[in-house]
Amino acid sequence: MEIRQDDLNGPEVRALIADHLRSMFELSPPESVHALDADRLKRPDVTFWSAWERGELAGIGALKELDGVHGEIKSMKTAPSRLRRDVASRLLERILEEAKRRGYKRVSLETGSMEAFEPARRLYARYGFQLCGPFADYGEDPNSVFMTLEL
């Protein structure tokens, strides 16, 4: 698997981002959707990666800088044809590697509280993420689970 920093201009990447947004709005009420669209993923405070296997897009993920010591994981999505093949794990490892390289002390994330998000919560827990309260600009939300990892 090749994981590379991506400019979000490729049609496959844009389609997977659109699919990610669509599924977030299907699973969560609009006020609880915190996924970023392609334009917001292109902002200077966000680094975006895509994972590829045999020329096909396998997944995406991003790291948003909240401040000089705290990053946020955004837009983790595995292509439907690549589910349960360690794509998310590999992307998460790459993102955490970059967070450590930058000298972050902590990486946090927001994900859904519904059953559909249980695989994501299990993945993050396997990597040592623990439940926490809202961070950055988030507020309490029964549809959100907040997790953090001290680096």
C-alpha atoms as a PDB file:
ATOM      1  CA  MET A   1       0.000   0.000   0.000  1.00  0.00           C
ATOM      2  CA  GLU A   2       1.284   3.437  -0.916  1.00  0.00           C
ATOM      3  CA  ILE A   3       0.235   6.328   1.324  1.00  0.00           C
ATOM      4  CA  ARG A   4       0.951   9.747  -0.103  1.00  0.00           C
ATOM      5  CA  GLN A   5       0.183  13.342   0.656  1.00  0.00           C
ATOM      6  CA  ASP A   6      -2.571  14.336  -1.746  1.00  0.00           C
ATOM      7  CA  ASP A   7      -3.771  17.591  -3.316  1.00  0.00           C
ATOM      8  CA  LEU A   8      -7.414  16.396  -3.419  1.00  0.00           C
ATOM      9  CA  ASN A   9      -7.703  17.077  -7.155  1.00  0.00           C
ATOM     10  CA  GLY A  10      -8.082  13.505  -8.403  1.00  0.00           C
ATOM     11  CA  PRO A  11     -11.583  12.297  -9.308  1.00  0.00           C
ATOM     12  CA  GLU A  12     -11.274   9.134  -7.180  1.00  0.00           C
ATOM     13  CA  VAL A  13     -10.312  11.144  -4.101  1.00  0.00           C
ATOM     14  CA  ARG A  14     -13.069  13.684  -4.647  1.00  0.00           C
ATOM     15  CA  ALA A  15     -15.608  10.869  -5.092  1.00  0.00           C
ATOM     16  CA  LEU A  16     -14.537   9.195  -1.821  1.00  0.00           C
ATOM     17  CA  ILE A  17     -14.750  12.520   0.041  1.00  0.00           C
ATOM     18  CA  ALA A  18     -18.249  13.025  -1.385  1.00  0.00           C
ATOM     19  CA  ASP A  19     -19.192   9.484  -0.316  1.00  0.00           C
ATOM     20  CA  HIS A  20     -17.831  10.180   3.167  1.00  0.00           C
ATOM     21  CA  LEU A  21     -19.907  13.349   3.475  1.00  0.00           C
ATOM     22  CA  ARG A  22     -23.009  11.621   2.136  1.00  0.00           C
ATOM     23  CA  SER A  23     -22.701   8.797   4.651  1.00  0.00           C
ATOM     24  CA  MET A  24     -22.121  11.238   7.535  1.00  0.00           C
ATOM     25  CA  PHE A  25     -25.351  13.059   6.679  1.00  0.00           C
ATOM     26  CA  GLU A  26     -27.203   9.736   6.415  1.00  0.00           C
ATOM     27  CA  LEU A  27     -25.987   8.622   9.848  1.00  0.00           C
ATOM     28  CA  SER A  28     -26.072  11.884  11.805  1.00  0.00           C
ATOM     29  CA  PRO A  29     -28.316  14.923  12.095  1.00  0.00           C
ATOM     30  CA  PRO A  30     -26.888  17.887  10.130  1.00  0.00           C
ATOM     31  CA  GLU A  31     -25.862  19.812  13.253  1.00  0.00           C
ATOM     32  CA  SER A  32     -23.744  16.823  14.342  1.00  0.00           C
ATOM     33  CA  VAL A  33     -21.834  16.378  11.068  1.00  0.00           C
ATOM     34  CA  HIS A  34     -18.288  17.681  11.462  1.00  0.00           C
ATOM     35  CA  ALA A  35     -16.753  16.131   8.333  1.00  0.00           C
ATOM     36  CA  LEU A  36     -14.879  18.526   6.057  1.00  0.00           C
ATOM     37  CA  ASP A  37     -15.579  18.925   2.360  1.00  0.00           C
ATOM     38  CA  ALA A  38     -12.744  18.968  -0.197  1.00  0.00           C
ATOM     39  CA  ASP A  39     -12.343  22.754  -0.074  1.00  0.00           C
ATOM     40  CA  ARG A  40     -11.992  22.770   3.709  1.00  0.00           C
ATOM     41  CA  LEU A  41      -9.556  19.839   3.530  1.00  0.00           C
ATOM     42  CA  LYS A  42      -7.350  21.984   1.275  1.00  0.00           C
ATOM     43  CA  ARG A  43      -6.824  24.659   3.935  1.00  0.00           C
ATOM     44  CA  PRO A  44      -3.220  25.274   5.033  1.00  0.00           C
ATOM     45  CA  ASP A  45      -3.821  23.877   8.538  1.00  0.00           C
ATOM     46  CA  VAL A  46      -4.851  20.476   7.114  1.00  0.00           C
ATOM     47  CA  THR A  47      -2.585  17.769   5.671  1.00  0.00           C
ATOM     48  CA  PHE A  48      -4.413  15.170   3.616  1.00  0.00           C
ATOM     49  CA  TRP A  49      -3.286  11.673   2.607  1.00  0.00           C
ATOM     50  CA  SER A  50      -4.621   9.061   0.237  1.00  0.00           C
ATOM     51  CA  ALA A  51      -3.826   5.336   0.325  1.00  0.00           C
ATOM     52  CA  TRP A  52      -3.505   3.349  -2.899  1.00  0.00           C
ATOM     53  CA  GLU A  53      -3.332  -0.369  -3.694  1.00  0.00           C
ATOM     54  CA  ARG A  54      -2.566  -1.554  -7.215  1.00  0.00           C
ATOM     55  CA  GLY A  55      -3.557   1.809  -8.665  1.00  0.00           C
ATOM     56  CA  GLU A  56      -6.906   1.950  -6.838  1.00  0.00           C
ATOM     57  CA  LEU A  57      -7.848   4.339  -4.051  1.00  0.00           C
ATOM     58  CA  ALA A  58      -8.056   2.418  -0.768  1.00  0.00           C
ATOM     59  CA  GLY A  59      -8.704   5.198   1.724  1.00  0.00           C
ATOM     60  CA  ILE A  60      -8.172   8.749   2.908  1.00  0.00           C
ATOM     61  CA  GLY A  61      -7.320  10.580   6.117  1.00  0.00           C
ATOM     62  CA  ALA A  62      -6.219  13.998   7.300  1.00  0.00           C
ATOM     63  CA  LEU A  63      -4.503  15.783  10.158  1.00  0.00           C
ATOM     64  CA  LYS A  64      -5.655  19.265  11.145  1.00  0.00           C
ATOM     65  CA  GLU A  65      -3.366  21.421  13.249  1.00  0.00           C
ATOM     66  CA  LEU A  66      -5.299  22.902  16.162  1.00  0.00           C
ATOM     67  CA  ASP A  67      -2.217  24.582  17.644  1.00  0.00           C
ATOM     68  CA  GLY A  68       1.502  23.893  17.854  1.00  0.00           C
ATOM     69  CA  VAL A  69       1.078  20.869  20.135  1.00  0.00           C
ATOM     70  CA  HIS A  70      -2.386  19.510  19.319  1.00  0.00           C
ATOM     71  CA  GLY A  71      -3.690  17.923  16.120  1.00  0.00           C
ATOM     72  CA  GLU A  72      -7.056  16.532  15.085  1.00  0.00           C
ATOM     73  CA  ILE A  73      -7.696  13.499  12.913  1.00  0.00           C
ATOM     74  CA  LYS A  74     -10.220  14.269  10.157  1.00  0.00           C
ATOM     75  CA  SER A  75     -11.878  12.529   7.223  1.00  0.00           C
ATOM     76  CA  MET A  76     -10.811   8.956   7.850  1.00  0.00           C
ATOM     77  CA  LYS A  77     -12.589   6.847   5.235  1.00  0.00           C
ATOM     78  CA  THR A  78     -11.850   3.456   3.710  1.00  0.00           C
ATOM     79  CA  ALA A  79     -13.065   2.732   0.202  1.00  0.00           C
ATOM     80  CA  PRO A  80     -15.972   0.244   0.407  1.00  0.00           C
ATOM     81  CA  SER A  81     -14.045  -2.319  -1.652  1.00  0.00           C
ATOM     82  CA  ARG A  82     -11.150  -2.237   0.845  1.00  0.00           C
ATOM     83  CA  LEU A  83     -12.964  -2.600   4.173  1.00  0.00           C
ATOM     84  CA  ARG A  84     -11.306  -4.826   6.798  1.00  0.00           C
ATOM     85  CA  ARG A  85      -7.944  -4.835   5.025  1.00  0.00           C
ATOM     86  CA  ASP A  86      -6.019  -2.620   7.496  1.00  0.00           C
ATOM     87  CA  VAL A  87      -6.351   0.496   5.332  1.00  0.00           C
ATOM     88  CA  ALA A  88      -7.573   2.643   8.234  1.00  0.00           C
ATOM     89  CA  SER A  89      -4.847   1.282  10.513  1.00  0.00           C
ATOM     90  CA  ARG A  90      -2.142   2.116   8.006  1.00  0.00           C
ATOM     91  CA  LEU A  91      -3.512   5.618   7.444  1.00  0.00           C
ATOM     92  CA  LEU A  92      -3.825   6.208  11.184  1.00  0.00           C
ATOM     93  CA  GLU A  93      -0.229   5.078  11.711  1.00  0.00           C
ATOM     94  CA  ARG A  94       0.944   7.525   9.026  1.00  0.00           C
ATOM     95  CA  ILE A  95      -1.036  10.376  10.591  1.00  0.00           C
ATOM     96  CA  LEU A  96       0.313   9.626  14.072  1.00  0.00           C
ATOM     97  CA  GLU A  97       3.840   9.420  12.683  1.00  0.00           C
ATOM     98  CA  GLU A  98       3.421  12.896  11.207  1.00  0.00           C
ATOM     99  CA  ALA A  99       1.935  14.256  14.451  1.00  0.00           C
ATOM    100  CA  LYS A 100       4.975  12.999  16.372  1.00  0.00           C
ATOM    101  CA  ARG A 101       7.338  14.425  13.759  1.00  0.00           C
ATOM    102  CA  ARG A 102       5.681  17.822  14.227  1.00  0.00           C
ATOM    103  CA  GLY A 103       6.144  17.600  17.975  1.00  0.00           C
ATOM    104  CA  TYR A 104       2.469  17.415  18.868  1.00  0.00           C
ATOM    105  CA  LYS A 105       1.788  16.371  22.440  1.00  0.00           C
ATOM    106  CA  ARG A 106      -1.747  15.214  21.715  1.00  0.00           C
ATOM    107  CA  VAL A 107      -3.974  14.097  18.855  1.00  0.00           C
ATOM    108  CA  SER A 108      -7.762  14.157  19.229  1.00  0.00           C
ATOM    109  CA  LEU A 109     -10.775  13.256  17.141  1.00  0.00           C
ATOM    110  CA  GLU A 110     -14.535  13.397  16.981  1.00  0.00           C
ATOM    111  CA  THR A 111     -16.582  10.479  15.718  1.00  0.00           C
ATOM    112  CA  GLY A 112     -20.183   9.413  15.944  1.00  0.00           C
ATOM    113  CA  SER A 113     -21.818   7.845  18.986  1.00  0.00           C
ATOM    114  CA  MET A 114     -24.135   5.626  16.926  1.00  0.00           C
ATOM    115  CA  GLU A 115     -23.607   1.899  16.363  1.00  0.00           C
ATOM    116  CA  ALA A 116     -22.389   2.477  12.790  1.00  0.00           C
ATOM    117  CA  PHE A 117     -19.312   4.238  14.230  1.00  0.00           C
ATOM    118  CA  GLU A 118     -18.384   1.393  16.592  1.00  0.00           C
ATOM    119  CA  PRO A 119     -15.684  -0.013  14.253  1.00  0.00           C
ATOM    120  CA  ALA A 120     -14.026   3.420  14.154  1.00  0.00           C
ATOM    121  CA  ARG A 121     -14.152   3.773  17.936  1.00  0.00           C
ATOM    122  CA  ARG A 122     -12.627   0.283  18.331  1.00  0.00           C
ATOM    123  CA  LEU A 123      -9.832   1.157  15.892  1.00  0.00           C
ATOM    124  CA  TYR A 124      -8.932   4.314  17.800  1.00  0.00           C
ATOM    125  CA  ALA A 125      -9.104   2.517  21.153  1.00  0.00           C
ATOM    126  CA  ARG A 126      -6.693  -0.148  19.836  1.00  0.00           C
ATOM    127  CA  TYR A 127      -4.188   2.644  19.206  1.00  0.00           C
ATOM    128  CA  GLY A 128      -4.569   4.003  22.731  1.00  0.00           C
ATOM    129  CA  PHE A 129      -7.107   6.768  22.196  1.00  0.00           C
ATOM    130  CA  GLN A 130      -9.235   7.401  25.259  1.00  0.00           C
ATOM    131  CA  LEU A 131     -12.568   9.093  25.717  1.00  0.00           C
ATOM    132  CA  CYS A 132     -12.381  12.796  26.508  1.00  0.00           C
ATOM    133  CA  GLY A 133     -14.603  15.835  26.532  1.00  0.00           C
ATOM    134  CA  PRO A 134     -15.146  18.220  23.641  1.00  0.00           C
ATOM    135  CA  PHE A 135     -12.012  20.001  22.430  1.00  0.00           C
ATOM    136  CA  ALA A 136     -11.268  22.945  20.140  1.00  0.00           C
ATOM    137  CA  ASP A 137     -14.586  24.426  18.920  1.00  0.00           C
ATOM    138  CA  TYR A 138     -16.719  21.359  19.655  1.00  0.00           C
ATOM    139  CA  GLY A 139     -19.529  21.393  22.184  1.00  0.00           C
ATOM    140  CA  GLU A 140     -21.319  18.614  23.999  1.00  0.00           C
ATOM    141  CA  ASP A 141     -23.337  16.559  21.534  1.00  0.00           C
ATOM    142  CA  PRO A 142     -25.105  13.243  22.220  1.00  0.00           C
ATOM    143  CA  ASN A 143     -24.262  12.196  18.642  1.00  0.00           C
ATOM    144  CA  SER A 144     -20.517  12.722  19.106  1.00  0.00           C
ATOM    145  CA  VAL A 145     -17.777  10.803  20.871  1.00  0.00           C
ATOM    146  CA  PHE A 146     -14.505  12.608  21.555  1.00  0.00           C
ATOM    147  CA  MET A 147     -11.243  10.738  21.924  1.00  0.00           C
ATOM    148  CA  THR A 148      -7.642  11.778  22.510  1.00  0.00           C
ATOM    149  CA  LEU A 149      -4.178  10.261  22.536  1.00  0.00           C
ATOM    150  CA  GLU A 150      -1.231  11.678  24.443  1.00  0.00           C
ATOM    151  CA  LEU A 151       1.909  11.313  22.345  1.00  0.00           C
END
